[in-house]
Amino acid sequence: MEGGIEGPLLDEYSTKRTKLNLVEEFQLANELDDRIFASTKEVVNHIFKKYKVKFSISGCNNLLHRLGFSFKSKRRTW
């Protein structure tokens, strides 16, 4: 078996992208500076449409915080 036991596993999943590269993160940060998104879900959809990379809401929140962004709730908290 070529590549050992991990060979077939790596080949099977090698086409799936799970995160943005540094250039894409820089582009996204510029887009976030220029455009207002109402929710993290909107950002998730934007990332998928533009970069074909899927993020969960929590994964996108982690990315946004790492890039220096956050969302403020529109709901009033008591």
PDB file of N, CA and C in Angstrom:
ATOM      1  N   MET A   1       0.847  -1.168   0.000  1.00  0.00           N
ATOM      2  CA  MET A   1       0.000   0.000   0.000  1.00  0.00           C
ATOM      3  C   MET A   1       0.899   1.239   0.000  1.00  0.00           C
ATOM      4  N   GLU A   2       0.756   2.033  -1.037  1.00  0.00           N
ATOM      5  CA  GLU A   2       1.588   3.230  -1.180  1.00  0.00           C
ATOM      6  C   GLU A   2       1.142   4.313  -0.209  1.00  0.00           C
ATOM      7  N   GLY A   3       2.105   4.958   0.449  1.00  0.00           N
ATOM      8  CA  GLY A   3       1.787   6.016   1.399  1.00  0.00           C
ATOM      9  C   GLY A   3       1.412   5.491   2.771  1.00  0.00           C
ATOM     10  N   GLY A   4       1.584   4.184   2.979  1.00  0.00           N
ATOM     11  CA  GLY A   4       1.242   3.607   4.275  1.00  0.00           C
ATOM     12  C   GLY A   4      -0.253   3.615   4.502  1.00  0.00           C
ATOM     13  N   ILE A   5      -0.637   3.436   5.720  1.00  0.00           N
ATOM     14  CA  ILE A   5      -2.063   3.373   6.044  1.00  0.00           C
ATOM     15  C   ILE A   5      -2.769   4.710   5.841  1.00  0.00           C
ATOM     16  N   GLU A   6      -2.041   5.826   5.941  1.00  0.00           N
ATOM     17  CA  GLU A   6      -2.652   7.144   5.783  1.00  0.00           C
ATOM     18  C   GLU A   6      -2.764   7.575   4.327  1.00  0.00           C
ATOM     19  N   GLY A   7      -2.059   6.910   3.417  1.00  0.00           N
ATOM     20  CA  GLY A   7      -2.072   7.279   2.005  1.00  0.00           C
ATOM     21  C   GLY A   7      -3.459   7.404   1.413  1.00  0.00           C
ATOM     22  N   PRO A   8      -4.277   6.333   1.476  1.00  0.00           N
ATOM     23  CA  PRO A   8      -5.627   6.435   0.899  1.00  0.00           C
ATOM     24  C   PRO A   8      -6.496   7.483   1.588  1.00  0.00           C
ATOM     25  N   LEU A   9      -6.348   7.645   2.885  1.00  0.00           N
ATOM     26  CA  LEU A   9      -7.148   8.642   3.600  1.00  0.00           C
ATOM     27  C   LEU A   9      -6.809  10.054   3.152  1.00  0.00           C
ATOM     28  N   LEU A  10      -5.529  10.340   2.996  1.00  0.00           N
ATOM     29  CA  LEU A  10      -5.115  11.673   2.573  1.00  0.00           C
ATOM     30  C   LEU A  10      -5.553  11.957   1.148  1.00  0.00           C
ATOM     31  N   ASP A  11      -5.447  10.966   0.253  1.00  0.00           N
ATOM     32  CA  ASP A  11      -5.849  11.159  -1.136  1.00  0.00           C
ATOM     33  C   ASP A  11      -7.349  11.415  -1.245  1.00  0.00           C
ATOM     34  N   GLU A  12      -8.136  10.714  -0.454  1.00  0.00           N
ATOM     35  CA  GLU A  12      -9.588  10.838  -0.517  1.00  0.00           C
ATOM     36  C   GLU A  12     -10.071  12.220  -0.100  1.00  0.00           C
ATOM     37  N   TYR A  13      -9.387  12.849   0.836  1.00  0.00           N
ATOM     38  CA  TYR A  13      -9.851  14.118   1.376  1.00  0.00           C
ATOM     39  C   TYR A  13      -9.005  15.316   0.969  1.00  0.00           C
ATOM     40  N   SER A  14      -8.104  15.149   0.045  1.00  0.00           N
ATOM     41  CA  SER A  14      -7.164  16.226  -0.275  1.00  0.00           C
ATOM     42  C   SER A  14      -7.794  17.389  -1.036  1.00  0.00           C
ATOM     43  N   THR A  15      -8.976  17.209  -1.626  1.00  0.00           N
ATOM     44  CA  THR A  15      -9.567  18.288  -2.410  1.00  0.00           C
ATOM     45  C   THR A  15     -10.438  19.226  -1.571  1.00  0.00           C
ATOM     46  N   LYS A  16     -10.710  18.886  -0.336  1.00  0.00           N
ATOM     47  CA  LYS A  16     -11.572  19.713   0.503  1.00  0.00           C
ATOM     48  C   LYS A  16     -10.769  20.827   1.165  1.00  0.00           C
ATOM     49  N   ARG A  17     -11.199  22.068   0.937  1.00  0.00           N
ATOM     50  CA  ARG A  17     -10.566  23.212   1.594  1.00  0.00           C
ATOM     51  C   ARG A  17     -11.347  23.531   2.846  1.00  0.00           C
ATOM     52  N   THR A  18     -10.648  23.736   3.928  1.00  0.00           N
ATOM     53  CA  THR A  18     -11.339  24.000   5.183  1.00  0.00           C
ATOM     54  C   THR A  18     -11.040  25.377   5.750  1.00  0.00           C
ATOM     55  N   LYS A  19     -10.102  26.099   5.161  1.00  0.00           N
ATOM     56  CA  LYS A  19      -9.808  27.426   5.689  1.00  0.00           C
ATOM     57  C   LYS A  19      -9.261  28.322   4.593  1.00  0.00           C
ATOM     58  N   LEU A  20      -9.221  29.594   4.868  1.00  0.00           N
ATOM     59  CA  LEU A  20      -8.697  30.569   3.923  1.00  0.00           C
ATOM     60  C   LEU A  20      -7.186  30.667   4.067  1.00  0.00           C
ATOM     61  N   ASN A  21      -6.513  30.959   2.947  1.00  0.00           N
ATOM     62  CA  ASN A  21      -5.075  31.207   3.045  1.00  0.00           C
ATOM     63  C   ASN A  21      -4.859  32.667   3.466  1.00  0.00           C
ATOM     64  N   LEU A  22      -3.612  33.050   3.677  1.00  0.00           N
ATOM     65  CA  LEU A  22      -3.315  34.398   4.188  1.00  0.00           C
ATOM     66  C   LEU A  22      -3.786  35.506   3.256  1.00  0.00           C
ATOM     67  N   VAL A  23      -3.635  35.313   1.955  1.00  0.00           N
ATOM     68  CA  VAL A  23      -4.074  36.324   0.985  1.00  0.00           C
ATOM     69  C   VAL A  23      -5.587  36.486   1.058  1.00  0.00           C
ATOM     70  N   GLU A  24      -6.305  35.359   1.123  1.00  0.00           N
ATOM     71  CA  GLU A  24      -7.764  35.415   1.208  1.00  0.00           C
ATOM     72  C   GLU A  24      -8.218  36.069   2.517  1.00  0.00           C
ATOM     73  N   GLU A  25      -7.524  35.779   3.608  1.00  0.00           N
ATOM     74  CA  GLU A  25      -7.856  36.426   4.882  1.00  0.00           C
ATOM     75  C   GLU A  25      -7.656  37.933   4.795  1.00  0.00           C
ATOM     76  N   PHE A  26      -6.585  38.366   4.149  1.00  0.00           N
ATOM     77  CA  PHE A  26      -6.326  39.797   3.965  1.00  0.00           C
ATOM     78  C   PHE A  26      -7.434  40.425   3.123  1.00  0.00           C
ATOM     79  N   GLN A  27      -7.827  39.750   2.029  1.00  0.00           N
ATOM     80  CA  GLN A  27      -8.907  40.254   1.176  1.00  0.00           C
ATOM     81  C   GLN A  27     -10.214  40.344   1.960  1.00  0.00           C
ATOM     82  N   LEU A  28     -10.509  39.307   2.744  1.00  0.00           N
ATOM     83  CA  LEU A  28     -11.733  39.304   3.542  1.00  0.00           C
ATOM     84  C   LEU A  28     -11.725  40.447   4.552  1.00  0.00           C
ATOM     85  N   ALA A  29     -10.605  40.670   5.206  1.00  0.00           N
ATOM     86  CA  ALA A  29     -10.506  41.768   6.179  1.00  0.00           C
ATOM     87  C   ALA A  29     -10.782  43.105   5.504  1.00  0.00           C
ATOM     88  N   ASN A  30     -10.268  43.306   4.303  1.00  0.00           N
ATOM     89  CA  ASN A  30     -10.543  44.545   3.566  1.00  0.00           C
ATOM     90  C   ASN A  30     -12.020  44.657   3.221  1.00  0.00           C
ATOM     91  N   GLU A  31     -12.641  43.538   2.820  1.00  0.00           N
ATOM     92  CA  GLU A  31     -14.068  43.544   2.504  1.00  0.00           C
ATOM     93  C   GLU A  31     -14.897  43.864   3.747  1.00  0.00           C
ATOM     94  N   LEU A  32     -14.484  43.329   4.890  1.00  0.00           N
ATOM     95  CA  LEU A  32     -15.205  43.602   6.139  1.00  0.00           C
ATOM     96  C   LEU A  32     -15.075  45.064   6.548  1.00  0.00           C
ATOM     97  N   ASP A  33     -13.948  45.688   6.203  1.00  0.00           N
ATOM     98  CA  ASP A  33     -13.775  47.120   6.471  1.00  0.00           C
ATOM     99  C   ASP A  33     -14.671  47.966   5.576  1.00  0.00           C
ATOM    100  N   ASP A  34     -14.894  47.510   4.343  1.00  0.00           N
ATOM    101  CA  ASP A  34     -15.628  48.290   3.351  1.00  0.00           C
ATOM    102  C   ASP A  34     -17.135  48.052   3.356  1.00  0.00           C
ATOM    103  N   ARG A  35     -17.578  46.933   3.880  1.00  0.00           N
ATOM    104  CA  ARG A  35     -18.985  46.545   3.787  1.00  0.00           C
ATOM    105  C   ARG A  35     -19.499  46.125   5.157  1.00  0.00           C
ATOM    106  N   ILE A  36     -20.745  46.443   5.427  1.00  0.00           N
ATOM    107  CA  ILE A  36     -21.356  46.055   6.696  1.00  0.00           C
ATOM    108  C   ILE A  36     -22.155  44.773   6.490  1.00  0.00           C
ATOM    109  N   PHE A  37     -21.846  43.765   7.279  1.00  0.00           N
ATOM    110  CA  PHE A  37     -22.590  42.512   7.282  1.00  0.00           C
ATOM    111  C   PHE A  37     -23.457  42.501   8.531  1.00  0.00           C
ATOM    112  N   ALA A  38     -24.709  42.079   8.386  1.00  0.00           N
ATOM    113  CA  ALA A  38     -25.648  42.111   9.505  1.00  0.00           C
ATOM    114  C   ALA A  38     -25.431  40.980  10.499  1.00  0.00           C
ATOM    115  N   SER A  39     -24.785  39.900  10.054  1.00  0.00           N
ATOM    116  CA  SER A  39     -24.617  38.748  10.942  1.00  0.00           C
ATOM    117  C   SER A  39     -23.422  37.913  10.500  1.00  0.00           C
ATOM    118  N   THR A  40     -23.005  37.034  11.391  1.00  0.00           N
ATOM    119  CA  THR A  40     -21.932  36.100  11.048  1.00  0.00           C
ATOM    120  C   THR A  40     -22.390  35.183   9.923  1.00  0.00           C
ATOM    121  N   LYS A  41     -23.665  34.823   9.919  1.00  0.00           N
ATOM    122  CA  LYS A  41     -24.191  33.951   8.862  1.00  0.00           C
ATOM    123  C   LYS A  41     -24.015  34.599   7.489  1.00  0.00           C
ATOM    124  N   GLU A  42     -24.212  35.906   7.396  1.00  0.00           N
ATOM    125  CA  GLU A  42     -23.975  36.612   6.132  1.00  0.00           C
ATOM    126  C   GLU A  42     -22.517  36.501   5.713  1.00  0.00           C
ATOM    127  N   VAL A  43     -21.609  36.602   6.673  1.00  0.00           N
ATOM    128  CA  VAL A  43     -20.180  36.482   6.371  1.00  0.00           C
ATOM    129  C   VAL A  43     -19.874  35.064   5.905  1.00  0.00           C
ATOM    130  N   VAL A  44     -20.451  34.056   6.572  1.00  0.00           N
ATOM    131  CA  VAL A  44     -20.264  32.654   6.170  1.00  0.00           C
ATOM    132  C   VAL A  44     -20.703  32.467   4.722  1.00  0.00           C
ATOM    133  N   ASN A  45     -21.876  32.988   4.373  1.00  0.00           N
ATOM    134  CA  ASN A  45     -22.381  32.872   3.000  1.00  0.00           C
ATOM    135  C   ASN A  45     -21.479  33.606   2.010  1.00  0.00           C
ATOM    136  N   HIS A  46     -21.002  34.774   2.382  1.00  0.00           N
ATOM    137  CA  HIS A  46     -20.102  35.545   1.520  1.00  0.00           C
ATOM    138  C   HIS A  46     -18.804  34.775   1.264  1.00  0.00           C
ATOM    139  N   ILE A  47     -18.230  34.209   2.319  1.00  0.00           N
ATOM    140  CA  ILE A  47     -16.985  33.446   2.182  1.00  0.00           C
ATOM    141  C   ILE A  47     -17.199  32.257   1.256  1.00  0.00           C
ATOM    142  N   PHE A  48     -18.325  31.563   1.409  1.00  0.00           N
ATOM    143  CA  PHE A  48     -18.577  30.402   0.555  1.00  0.00           C
ATOM    144  C   PHE A  48     -18.757  30.811  -0.901  1.00  0.00           C
ATOM    145  N   LYS A  49     -19.522  31.882  -1.149  1.00  0.00           N
ATOM    146  CA  LYS A  49     -19.743  32.331  -2.527  1.00  0.00           C
ATOM    147  C   LYS A  49     -18.448  32.779  -3.192  1.00  0.00           C
ATOM    148  N   LYS A  50     -17.620  33.509  -2.460  1.00  0.00           N
ATOM    149  CA  LYS A  50     -16.410  34.075  -3.058  1.00  0.00           C
ATOM    150  C   LYS A  50     -15.234  33.109  -3.084  1.00  0.00           C
ATOM    151  N   TYR A  51     -15.038  32.358  -1.986  1.00  0.00           N
ATOM    152  CA  TYR A  51     -13.833  31.532  -1.857  1.00  0.00           C
ATOM    153  C   TYR A  51     -14.109  30.033  -1.913  1.00  0.00           C
ATOM    154  N   LYS A  52     -15.390  29.640  -1.952  1.00  0.00           N
ATOM    155  CA  LYS A  52     -15.780  28.223  -1.976  1.00  0.00           C
ATOM    156  C   LYS A  52     -15.230  27.464  -0.774  1.00  0.00           C
ATOM    157  N   VAL A  53     -15.244  28.111   0.390  1.00  0.00           N
ATOM    158  CA  VAL A  53     -14.785  27.506   1.638  1.00  0.00           C
ATOM    159  C   VAL A  53     -15.933  27.578   2.635  1.00  0.00           C
ATOM    160  N   LYS A  54     -16.260  26.440   3.244  1.00  0.00           N
ATOM    161  CA  LYS A  54     -17.355  26.390   4.213  1.00  0.00           C
ATOM    162  C   LYS A  54     -16.834  26.625   5.618  1.00  0.00           C
ATOM    163  N   PHE A  55     -17.554  27.477   6.333  1.00  0.00           N
ATOM    164  CA  PHE A  55     -17.275  27.734   7.742  1.00  0.00           C
ATOM    165  C   PHE A  55     -18.556  27.507   8.530  1.00  0.00           C
ATOM    166  N   SER A  56     -18.430  26.999   9.733  1.00  0.00           N
ATOM    167  CA  SER A  56     -19.555  26.997  10.664  1.00  0.00           C
ATOM    168  C   SER A  56     -19.647  28.413  11.236  1.00  0.00           C
ATOM    169  N   ILE A  57     -20.751  28.706  11.883  1.00  0.00           N
ATOM    170  CA  ILE A  57     -20.899  30.020  12.513  1.00  0.00           C
ATOM    171  C   ILE A  57     -19.797  30.228  13.550  1.00  0.00           C
ATOM    172  N   SER A  58     -19.569  29.218  14.382  1.00  0.00           N
ATOM    173  CA  SER A  58     -18.541  29.369  15.425  1.00  0.00           C
ATOM    174  C   SER A  58     -17.143  29.456  14.821  1.00  0.00           C
ATOM    175  N   GLY A  59     -16.890  28.697  13.754  1.00  0.00           N
ATOM    176  CA  GLY A  59     -15.590  28.778  13.088  1.00  0.00           C
ATOM    177  C   GLY A  59     -15.364  30.140  12.465  1.00  0.00           C
ATOM    178  N   CYS A  60     -16.425  30.706  11.889  1.00  0.00           N
ATOM    179  CA  CYS A  60     -16.323  32.039  11.299  1.00  0.00           C
ATOM    180  C   CYS A  60     -16.123  33.088  12.390  1.00  0.00           C
ATOM    181  N   ASN A  61     -16.811  32.927  13.522  1.00  0.00           N
ATOM    182  CA  ASN A  61     -16.602  33.855  14.641  1.00  0.00           C
ATOM    183  C   ASN A  61     -15.155  33.828  15.103  1.00  0.00           C
ATOM    184  N   ASN A  62     -14.569  32.635  15.178  1.00  0.00           N
ATOM    185  CA  ASN A  62     -13.158  32.519  15.563  1.00  0.00           C
ATOM    186  C   ASN A  62     -12.264  33.244  14.564  1.00  0.00           C
ATOM    187  N   LEU A  63     -12.550  33.064  13.272  1.00  0.00           N
ATOM    188  CA  LEU A  63     -11.779  33.745  12.229  1.00  0.00           C
ATOM    189  C   LEU A  63     -11.923  35.259  12.365  1.00  0.00           C
ATOM    190  N   LEU A  64     -13.153  35.728  12.539  1.00  0.00           N
ATOM    191  CA  LEU A  64     -13.394  37.168  12.655  1.00  0.00           C
ATOM    192  C   LEU A  64     -12.660  37.761  13.852  1.00  0.00           C
ATOM    193  N   HIS A  65     -12.698  37.078  14.969  1.00  0.00           N
ATOM    194  CA  HIS A  65     -11.991  37.571  16.159  1.00  0.00           C
ATOM    195  C   HIS A  65     -10.490  37.592  15.925  1.00  0.00           C
ATOM    196  N   ARG A  66      -9.973  36.563  15.242  1.00  0.00           N
ATOM    197  CA  ARG A  66      -8.536  36.523  14.948  1.00  0.00           C
ATOM    198  C   ARG A  66      -8.132  37.678  14.038  1.00  0.00           C
ATOM    199  N   LEU A  67      -9.058  38.076  13.144  1.00  0.00           N
ATOM    200  CA  LEU A  67      -8.786  39.188  12.226  1.00  0.00           C
ATOM    201  C   LEU A  67      -9.087  40.548  12.864  1.00  0.00           C
ATOM    202  N   GLY A  68      -9.599  40.545  14.090  1.00  0.00           N
ATOM    203  CA  GLY A  68      -9.860  41.798  14.798  1.00  0.00           C
ATOM    204  C   GLY A  68     -11.271  42.324  14.652  1.00  0.00           C
ATOM    205  N   PHE A  69     -12.216  41.489  14.236  1.00  0.00           N
ATOM    206  CA  PHE A  69     -13.604  41.904  14.044  1.00  0.00           C
ATOM    207  C   PHE A  69     -14.505  41.178  15.025  1.00  0.00           C
ATOM    208  N   SER A  70     -15.660  41.779  15.294  1.00  0.00           N
ATOM    209  CA  SER A  70     -16.688  41.126  16.096  1.00  0.00           C
ATOM    210  C   SER A  70     -18.031  41.748  15.747  1.00  0.00           C
ATOM    211  N   PHE A  71     -19.108  41.042  16.087  1.00  0.00           N
ATOM    212  CA  PHE A  71     -20.452  41.555  15.862  1.00  0.00           C
ATOM    213  C   PHE A  71     -21.055  41.965  17.181  1.00  0.00           C
ATOM    214  N   LYS A  72     -21.780  43.053  17.157  1.00  0.00           N
ATOM    215  CA  LYS A  72     -22.528  43.502  18.321  1.00  0.00           C
ATOM    216  C   LYS A  72     -23.975  43.090  18.115  1.00  0.00           C
ATOM    217  N   SER A  73     -24.584  42.574  19.137  1.00  0.00           N
ATOM    218  CA  SER A  73     -25.970  42.144  19.052  1.00  0.00           C
ATOM    219  C   SER A  73     -26.881  43.354  18.859  1.00  0.00           C
ATOM    220  N   LYS A  74     -27.892  43.187  18.008  1.00  0.00           N
ATOM    221  CA  LYS A  74     -28.866  44.257  17.820  1.00  0.00           C
ATOM    222  C   LYS A  74     -29.938  44.214  18.906  1.00  0.00           C
ATOM    223  N   ARG A  75     -29.960  43.121  19.666  1.00  0.00           N
ATOM    224  CA  ARG A  75     -30.937  42.995  20.740  1.00  0.00           C
ATOM    225  C   ARG A  75     -30.449  43.718  21.983  1.00  0.00           C
ATOM    226  N   ARG A  76     -31.395  44.254  22.691  1.00  0.00           N
ATOM    227  CA  ARG A  76     -31.069  44.908  23.949  1.00  0.00           C
ATOM    228  C   ARG A  76     -30.914  43.829  25.022  1.00  0.00           C
ATOM    229  N   THR A  77     -29.865  43.923  25.790  1.00  0.00           N
ATOM    230  CA  THR A  77     -29.679  42.980  26.889  1.00  0.00           C
ATOM    231  C   THR A  77     -29.955  43.677  28.200  1.00  0.00           C
ATOM    232  N   TRP A  78     -30.629  43.002  29.089  1.00  0.00           N
ATOM    233  CA  TRP A  78     -31.013  43.579  30.374  1.00  0.00           C
ATOM    234  C   TRP A  78     -30.219  42.958  31.460  1.00  0.00           C
TER     235      TRP A  78
END
